Amino acid sequence: MQPVTEPSALAISGSFSTARNGAVALVAGAALVAALSSCDLPFDLGQPTTRALENGASEGLTTAQSFEIIGTYTGPGAVLPVASGARTSGPPPATTWTIDLQIAHPSAEHMVVSADNVKLEAIITSGGAYFRGHDFLAQHMGTDPLSQSLVKAAGSSWWKGSSNIAPRLPDFTEGNSFRATFLGTAVTQRIDHTSVDGQDAVELSGPRADVYIAANSPYRLLRVHLKNGVVIDAISAGDLRYSNFDKDFGIVAPTDVIDFSNLSTLTPIYTVLSVDTSGCSSPCVVSASLKNLGGLRPAKGTSIITFTMTDAASGRALGSCQAPVHPDVGYNSTTSVSCTISGSTGQPANAAIVTATADNPGQA
């Protein structure tokens, strides 16, 4: 029979030490479980990976049925010519623009851009590009009488033009371009728990921009803020916010559109071809031959021809009269009007000059 050996003091001490360590480990494990179940996980555990954020942001621009971008940027102060006679000399100055852009896949856009109280609205569809904005058109057409007559004829109506007139922002609106420009190797810093309009967001920053992405799936893009001095898609100082993903904006092509390449779609635009003073005696009857450079679209009023007689030597006004153009004639057709100048003294033709100008009211 083996003798019974009493446990030594060293063995007893070792048992107590093991028990104590186990208890400490148990308490530490419980504390870790408690921390992991809290709202803010330690070491960013539970936060989306950077790859998931980048995938959500870029794929959202590609796969969403629609989205909206609202913000400001600095860009060219002029656009491409919109019709014959538009100003093209010299580089356009930089201007701060506000933009509200709605994109509906696969090929529809509705955009409103404005600067210095001048606004341009655009609708772009697979069938064409359409614009309206009287002040914008007036600033970007020529100053000659015909160009300004076209502006007046257009009024506040929609007119058809090139889609190049509207700003193009592929690096901000197309998923693959956005990823290549702002994400991946372009990201040098990540900051969690930022906020964009009250939404929890993750900021991915780099030398080009600060990009804010929603911290919750599907990780939609919320905001892009360009860094100082960075120019992307010909714009700088951009601060753009993204919203309304998958909203139905109801973008459709407008009806009753003016086409500057086909002037017959405009309201009447009469120009004076010649003035006849052969009937100017006492009374002084004058007439003018006119040509309609526009069409027969209804105008907000009747075109008026104003005749003015001035003294050839002094330039002093001697009298005037007005004649309405009625009925209207079609595109490139001619007509004539006449009236009697009141207050004239029946001066010989070589002592006075008679001019005629047309006032075409244009589209309402």
Protein backbone atom coordinates (compact mmCIF):
# COMPACT_ATOMS: atom_id res chain seq x y z
CA MET A 1 0.00 0.00 0.00
CA GLN A 2 1.29 3.40 -1.02
CA PRO A 3 1.67 5.82 1.81
CA VAL A 4 -0.71 8.78 1.85
CA THR A 5 1.12 11.99 1.22
CA GLU A 6 -0.18 15.26 2.61
CA PRO A 7 -0.30 18.16 0.17
CA SER A 8 2.52 20.54 0.61
CA ALA A 9 2.13 24.21 1.26
CA LEU A 10 3.50 24.92 -2.22
CA ALA A 11 0.82 22.78 -3.87
CA ILE A 12 -1.95 24.44 -1.93
CA SER A 13 -0.60 27.84 -2.83
CA GLY A 14 -0.52 26.90 -6.54
CA SER A 15 -4.15 25.79 -6.49
CA PHE A 16 -5.29 29.07 -5.01
CA SER A 17 -3.28 30.98 -7.64
CA THR A 18 -4.88 29.04 -10.49
CA ALA A 19 -8.35 29.64 -9.13
CA ARG A 20 -7.67 33.33 -8.74
CA ASN A 21 -6.40 33.67 -12.34
CA GLY A 22 -9.45 31.84 -13.64
CA ALA A 23 -11.75 34.17 -11.80
CA VAL A 24 -9.94 37.20 -13.19
CA ALA A 25 -10.24 35.80 -16.71
CA LEU A 26 -13.94 35.15 -16.19
CA VAL A 27 -14.53 38.70 -15.01
CA ALA A 28 -12.52 40.13 -17.93
CA GLY A 29 -14.49 38.01 -20.40
CA ALA A 30 -17.77 39.21 -18.96
CA ALA A 31 -16.61 42.81 -19.26
CA LEU A 32 -15.67 42.25 -22.92
CA VAL A 33 -19.08 40.72 -23.68
CA ALA A 34 -20.75 43.69 -22.02
CA ALA A 35 -18.65 46.10 -24.05
CA LEU A 36 -19.37 44.28 -27.30
CA SER A 37 -23.10 44.53 -26.65
CA SER A 38 -22.98 48.30 -26.10
CA CYS A 39 -23.79 50.92 -28.74
CA ASP A 40 -20.22 52.04 -29.45
CA LEU A 41 -18.10 48.97 -29.91
CA PRO A 42 -14.42 49.20 -28.88
CA PHE A 43 -11.74 49.17 -31.55
CA ASP A 44 -14.45 50.06 -34.16
CA LEU A 45 -15.79 46.51 -33.98
CA GLY A 46 -19.12 46.34 -35.80
CA GLN A 47 -18.36 49.33 -38.03
CA PRO A 48 -18.61 48.75 -41.82
CA THR A 49 -15.36 48.03 -43.60
CA THR A 50 -13.91 50.68 -45.84
CA ARG A 51 -14.41 48.38 -48.82
CA ALA A 52 -18.11 47.98 -47.97
CA LEU A 53 -18.50 51.75 -47.72
CA GLU A 54 -16.78 52.35 -51.05
CA ASN A 55 -18.81 49.64 -52.77
CA GLY A 56 -22.06 51.05 -51.42
CA ALA A 57 -21.25 54.61 -52.46
CA SER A 58 -20.11 53.83 -55.99
CA GLU A 59 -22.67 51.11 -56.71
CA GLY A 60 -25.46 53.33 -55.42
CA LEU A 61 -24.75 55.85 -58.17
CA THR A 62 -24.95 53.05 -60.74
CA THR A 63 -27.78 50.84 -59.51
CA ALA A 64 -30.19 53.32 -57.91
CA GLN A 65 -33.14 54.18 -60.12
CA SER A 66 -32.58 57.85 -59.33
CA PHE A 67 -30.89 60.31 -56.98
CA GLU A 68 -30.55 64.06 -56.43
CA ILE A 69 -27.53 66.32 -55.97
CA ILE A 70 -27.91 69.77 -54.40
CA GLY A 71 -25.06 72.16 -53.66
CA THR A 72 -22.68 74.82 -54.89
CA TYR A 73 -19.53 74.95 -56.97
CA THR A 74 -17.31 77.38 -58.84
CA GLY A 75 -17.22 76.95 -62.61
CA PRO A 76 -17.18 78.76 -65.94
CA GLY A 77 -19.43 81.79 -66.07
CA ALA A 78 -20.55 81.04 -69.64
CA VAL A 79 -21.53 77.99 -71.60
CA LEU A 80 -21.37 76.91 -75.22
CA PRO A 81 -23.30 78.94 -77.82
CA VAL A 82 -27.00 78.18 -77.77
CA ALA A 83 -27.91 79.72 -81.09
CA SER A 84 -26.52 81.68 -83.99
CA GLY A 85 -24.88 84.91 -82.82
CA ALA A 86 -23.93 83.76 -79.31
CA ARG A 87 -20.88 85.44 -77.77
CA THR A 88 -17.73 83.35 -77.96
CA SER A 89 -14.82 85.78 -77.52
CA GLY A 90 -12.46 85.37 -74.57
CA PRO A 91 -12.46 82.83 -71.75
CA PRO A 92 -15.53 82.91 -69.48
CA PRO A 93 -14.99 84.21 -65.95
CA ALA A 94 -15.36 81.90 -62.94
CA THR A 95 -18.74 82.06 -61.23
CA THR A 96 -20.24 80.50 -58.11
CA TRP A 97 -23.20 78.37 -59.16
CA THR A 98 -25.94 76.66 -57.20
CA ILE A 99 -27.19 73.39 -58.63
CA ASP A 100 -30.14 71.07 -58.13
CA LEU A 101 -29.62 67.99 -60.29
CA GLN A 102 -32.03 65.07 -60.48
CA ILE A 103 -30.82 61.97 -62.32
CA ALA A 104 -33.13 59.14 -63.35
CA HIS A 105 -31.55 56.10 -64.95
CA PRO A 106 -31.04 55.23 -67.68
CA SER A 107 -30.99 58.59 -69.49
CA ALA A 108 -33.05 61.38 -67.93
CA GLU A 109 -31.93 64.48 -66.04
CA HIS A 110 -33.64 67.56 -64.65
CA MET A 111 -31.32 70.38 -63.65
CA VAL A 112 -31.61 73.92 -62.33
CA VAL A 113 -28.40 75.98 -62.14
CA SER A 114 -28.28 79.62 -61.13
CA ALA A 115 -25.77 82.38 -60.43
CA ASP A 116 -26.14 86.13 -59.88
CA ASN A 117 -29.94 85.89 -60.20
CA VAL A 118 -29.63 84.23 -63.62
CA LYS A 119 -31.24 80.81 -63.82
CA LEU A 120 -31.09 78.03 -66.40
CA GLU A 121 -33.41 75.03 -66.23
CA ALA A 122 -32.68 71.93 -68.30
CA ILE A 123 -34.41 68.65 -69.06
CA ILE A 124 -32.30 66.05 -70.84
CA THR A 125 -33.82 62.84 -72.14
CA SER A 126 -32.95 60.25 -74.76
CA GLY A 127 -35.00 62.34 -77.19
CA GLY A 128 -33.09 65.61 -76.77
CA ALA A 129 -32.07 68.47 -74.49
CA TYR A 130 -34.45 71.28 -73.56
CA PHE A 131 -33.79 74.55 -71.75
CA ARG A 132 -35.49 77.67 -70.45
CA GLY A 133 -34.28 80.84 -68.79
CA HIS A 134 -34.83 84.24 -70.41
CA ASP A 135 -32.07 86.14 -68.57
CA PHE A 136 -29.57 83.35 -69.18
CA LEU A 137 -30.40 83.32 -72.88
CA ALA A 138 -30.12 87.11 -73.11
CA GLN A 139 -26.64 87.06 -71.58
CA HIS A 140 -25.36 84.33 -73.85
CA MET A 141 -26.70 85.57 -77.18
CA GLY A 142 -25.25 88.31 -79.33
CA THR A 143 -26.07 91.97 -78.78
CA ASP A 144 -27.15 92.53 -82.40
CA PRO A 145 -30.85 93.26 -83.02
CA LEU A 146 -31.59 89.86 -84.56
CA SER A 147 -30.09 87.93 -81.64
CA GLN A 148 -31.99 90.01 -79.11
CA SER A 149 -35.15 89.55 -81.18
CA LEU A 150 -34.65 85.81 -80.86
CA VAL A 151 -34.33 86.19 -77.09
CA LYS A 152 -37.51 88.22 -76.95
CA ALA A 153 -39.32 85.74 -79.17
CA ALA A 154 -38.34 82.89 -76.86
CA GLY A 155 -39.68 84.59 -73.73
CA SER A 156 -39.95 82.06 -70.92
CA SER A 157 -40.58 79.14 -73.27
CA TRP A 158 -38.60 75.92 -73.50
CA TRP A 159 -36.09 75.83 -76.33
CA LYS A 160 -34.16 72.96 -77.81
CA GLY A 161 -30.37 72.95 -77.69
CA SER A 162 -27.24 70.88 -77.30
CA SER A 163 -26.85 68.80 -74.14
CA ASN A 164 -23.34 70.29 -73.91
CA ILE A 165 -24.88 73.54 -72.67
CA ALA A 166 -25.61 71.91 -69.30
CA PRO A 167 -22.65 71.14 -67.00
CA ARG A 168 -21.43 67.55 -67.22
CA LEU A 169 -20.28 65.98 -63.93
CA PRO A 170 -19.43 62.32 -64.65
CA ASP A 171 -16.96 62.02 -61.77
CA PHE A 172 -19.76 62.99 -59.38
CA THR A 173 -22.63 61.04 -60.96
CA GLU A 174 -21.23 57.83 -62.48
CA GLY A 175 -20.26 55.04 -60.12
CA ASN A 176 -17.08 53.80 -61.79
CA SER A 177 -15.77 57.31 -62.41
CA PHE A 178 -16.60 58.33 -58.85
CA ARG A 179 -14.70 55.35 -57.41
CA ALA A 180 -11.64 56.00 -59.58
CA THR A 181 -11.57 59.70 -58.70
CA PHE A 182 -12.39 59.78 -54.99
CA LEU A 183 -12.08 56.28 -53.48
CA GLY A 184 -9.57 53.44 -53.30
CA THR A 185 -6.02 54.74 -53.35
CA ALA A 186 -7.36 58.32 -53.28
CA VAL A 187 -8.42 57.79 -49.63
CA THR A 188 -5.78 58.51 -47.00
CA GLN A 189 -7.88 58.95 -43.84
CA ARG A 190 -11.06 57.51 -42.32
CA ILE A 191 -13.12 59.15 -39.57
CA ASP A 192 -16.11 57.31 -38.12
CA HIS A 193 -19.17 58.80 -36.40
CA THR A 194 -19.40 62.04 -38.36
CA SER A 195 -22.77 63.48 -39.30
CA VAL A 196 -24.41 64.74 -42.49
CA ASP A 197 -27.82 66.35 -42.02
CA GLY A 198 -28.37 64.28 -38.90
CA GLN A 199 -27.32 60.96 -40.45
CA ASP A 200 -24.49 58.89 -38.98
CA ALA A 201 -21.71 58.93 -41.56
CA VAL A 202 -18.14 57.85 -42.20
CA GLU A 203 -15.73 60.37 -43.68
CA LEU A 204 -13.20 59.07 -46.22
CA SER A 205 -10.73 61.84 -47.01
CA GLY A 206 -7.91 62.29 -49.46
CA PRO A 207 -6.05 65.07 -51.27
CA ARG A 208 -8.98 65.63 -53.65
CA ALA A 209 -12.05 65.62 -51.43
CA ASP A 210 -13.78 64.67 -48.21
CA VAL A 211 -16.35 61.98 -49.03
CA TYR A 212 -19.14 61.23 -46.56
CA ILE A 213 -20.93 57.88 -46.74
CA ALA A 214 -23.87 56.67 -44.62
CA ALA A 215 -22.67 54.37 -41.82
CA ASN A 216 -25.69 52.10 -42.29
CA SER A 217 -26.35 49.69 -45.16
CA PRO A 218 -26.70 50.17 -48.13
CA TYR A 219 -24.03 52.85 -47.44
CA ARG A 220 -25.39 55.59 -49.70
CA LEU A 221 -23.23 58.53 -50.67
CA LEU A 222 -24.20 61.62 -48.66
CA ARG A 223 -21.76 64.41 -49.45
CA VAL A 224 -18.65 65.34 -51.45
CA HIS A 225 -16.61 68.39 -50.45
CA LEU A 226 -13.73 69.25 -52.79
CA LYS A 227 -10.47 70.37 -51.23
CA ASN A 228 -9.18 73.89 -51.92
CA GLY A 229 -7.60 74.26 -55.34
CA VAL A 230 -8.86 70.91 -56.67
CA VAL A 231 -10.62 70.98 -60.05
CA ILE A 232 -12.76 67.99 -61.08
CA ASP A 233 -15.00 68.02 -64.17
CA ALA A 234 -14.05 71.70 -64.69
CA ILE A 235 -15.52 72.72 -61.31
CA SER A 236 -13.84 73.68 -58.04
CA ALA A 237 -14.89 74.55 -54.48
CA GLY A 238 -17.68 72.02 -54.85
CA ASP A 239 -19.89 71.10 -51.88
CA LEU A 240 -22.51 68.63 -53.09
CA ARG A 241 -25.06 66.65 -51.08
CA TYR A 242 -26.77 63.48 -52.29
CA SER A 243 -30.32 62.41 -51.42
CA ASN A 244 -33.64 61.03 -52.69
CA PHE A 245 -32.26 57.73 -53.95
CA ASP A 246 -34.87 55.73 -55.92
CA LYS A 247 -37.39 58.60 -55.93
CA ASP A 248 -39.65 59.03 -58.97
CA PHE A 249 -38.94 62.57 -60.20
CA GLY A 250 -41.36 62.31 -63.15
CA ILE A 251 -38.89 63.70 -65.67
CA VAL A 252 -40.46 64.02 -69.14
CA ALA A 253 -39.64 66.10 -72.20
CA PRO A 254 -41.56 69.40 -72.37
CA THR A 255 -44.07 70.14 -75.09
CA ASP A 256 -44.43 73.25 -77.26
CA VAL A 257 -40.67 73.70 -77.66
CA ILE A 258 -38.85 76.38 -79.66
CA ASP A 259 -36.11 75.20 -82.02
CA PHE A 260 -33.60 77.94 -82.88
CA SER A 261 -32.34 75.86 -85.82
CA ASN A 262 -35.84 76.17 -87.28
CA LEU A 263 -36.97 79.79 -86.89
CA SER A 264 -40.42 78.95 -88.23
CA THR A 265 -41.14 77.54 -84.74
CA LEU A 266 -40.89 81.06 -83.24
CA THR A 267 -43.35 83.90 -82.86
CA PRO A 268 -43.25 86.58 -85.60
CA ILE A 269 -39.96 88.48 -85.81
CA TYR A 270 -40.40 91.34 -88.30
CA THR A 271 -37.43 93.22 -89.65
CA VAL A 272 -37.62 96.39 -91.76
CA LEU A 273 -36.39 95.93 -95.33
CA SER A 274 -37.02 99.46 -96.60
CA VAL A 275 -38.87 102.69 -95.85
CA ASP A 276 -40.90 104.58 -98.48
CA THR A 277 -41.39 108.34 -98.00
CA SER A 278 -42.72 109.07 -101.48
CA GLY A 279 -46.16 109.78 -100.00
CA CYS A 280 -44.81 112.21 -97.39
CA SER A 281 -46.22 115.62 -98.25
CA SER A 282 -49.05 117.13 -96.27
CA PRO A 283 -50.14 114.92 -94.62
CA CYS A 284 -46.97 112.80 -94.45
CA VAL A 285 -47.83 109.15 -95.21
CA VAL A 286 -44.92 106.73 -94.80
CA SER A 287 -44.72 102.99 -95.34
CA ALA A 288 -42.27 100.16 -94.74
CA SER A 289 -41.61 96.80 -96.33
CA LEU A 290 -41.19 94.05 -93.73
CA LYS A 291 -39.95 90.46 -93.61
CA ASN A 292 -40.89 87.89 -90.97
CA LEU A 293 -37.78 86.04 -89.81
CA GLY A 294 -39.85 84.01 -87.36
CA GLY A 295 -42.99 81.94 -87.68
CA LEU A 296 -46.64 82.02 -86.74
CA ARG A 297 -46.45 80.79 -83.15
CA PRO A 298 -48.92 82.91 -81.14
CA ALA A 299 -47.23 85.91 -79.51
CA LYS A 300 -48.29 87.78 -76.40
CA GLY A 301 -49.18 90.79 -78.53
CA THR A 302 -49.13 92.37 -81.97
CA SER A 303 -45.87 93.50 -83.59
CA ILE A 304 -45.69 97.30 -83.87
CA ILE A 305 -43.67 99.33 -86.41
CA THR A 306 -42.67 102.83 -85.22
CA PHE A 307 -41.81 105.49 -87.84
CA THR A 308 -39.77 108.49 -86.69
CA MET A 309 -38.97 111.65 -88.69
CA THR A 310 -35.91 113.65 -87.69
CA ASP A 311 -34.33 116.82 -89.04
CA ALA A 312 -31.35 115.87 -91.22
CA ALA A 313 -29.21 118.75 -89.97
CA SER A 314 -29.99 118.97 -86.26
CA GLY A 315 -31.29 115.45 -85.54
CA ARG A 316 -34.34 117.00 -83.86
CA ALA A 317 -37.44 114.80 -83.84
CA LEU A 318 -40.13 116.20 -86.10
CA GLY A 319 -42.86 113.61 -85.60
CA SER A 320 -43.71 109.93 -85.42
CA CYS A 321 -46.43 107.36 -85.93
CA GLN A 322 -47.04 103.66 -85.29
CA ALA A 323 -48.55 100.87 -87.36
CA PRO A 324 -49.54 97.37 -86.18
CA VAL A 325 -48.65 94.38 -88.33
CA HIS A 326 -51.90 92.65 -89.14
CA PRO A 327 -52.43 90.01 -90.31
CA ASP A 328 -49.20 88.16 -89.56
CA VAL A 329 -47.42 86.46 -92.43
CA GLY A 330 -45.46 83.22 -92.33
CA TYR A 331 -41.75 82.48 -92.09
CA ASN A 332 -39.62 84.41 -94.63
CA SER A 333 -42.72 86.09 -96.04
CA THR A 334 -43.00 89.84 -96.64
CA THR A 335 -45.68 92.39 -95.93
CA SER A 336 -45.99 96.17 -95.58
CA VAL A 337 -47.50 98.70 -93.19
CA SER A 338 -48.09 102.46 -93.32
CA CYS A 339 -49.19 105.34 -91.14
CA THR A 340 -49.36 109.15 -91.10
CA ILE A 341 -46.77 111.11 -89.17
CA SER A 342 -48.54 113.74 -87.13
CA GLY A 343 -46.84 117.01 -86.29
CA SER A 344 -44.67 117.02 -89.41
CA THR A 345 -44.41 120.22 -91.43
CA GLY A 346 -44.31 118.56 -94.79
CA GLN A 347 -40.60 119.23 -95.16
CA PRO A 348 -38.99 118.11 -98.38
CA ALA A 349 -37.60 114.57 -98.20
CA ASN A 350 -34.02 115.84 -98.47
CA ALA A 351 -34.50 117.91 -95.32
CA ALA A 352 -35.69 115.05 -93.06
CA ILE A 353 -34.91 111.42 -92.36
CA VAL A 354 -37.59 108.80 -91.70
CA THR A 355 -36.63 105.56 -89.95
CA ALA A 356 -38.72 102.55 -88.95
CA THR A 357 -38.14 100.08 -86.12
CA ALA A 358 -40.01 96.91 -85.24
CA ASP A 359 -41.16 95.91 -81.75
CA ASN A 360 -41.90 92.18 -81.68
CA PRO A 361 -43.44 91.19 -78.32
CA GLY A 362 -42.44 87.54 -78.53
CA GLN A 363 -43.57 84.53 -76.55
CA ALA A 364 -45.46 85.02 -73.30
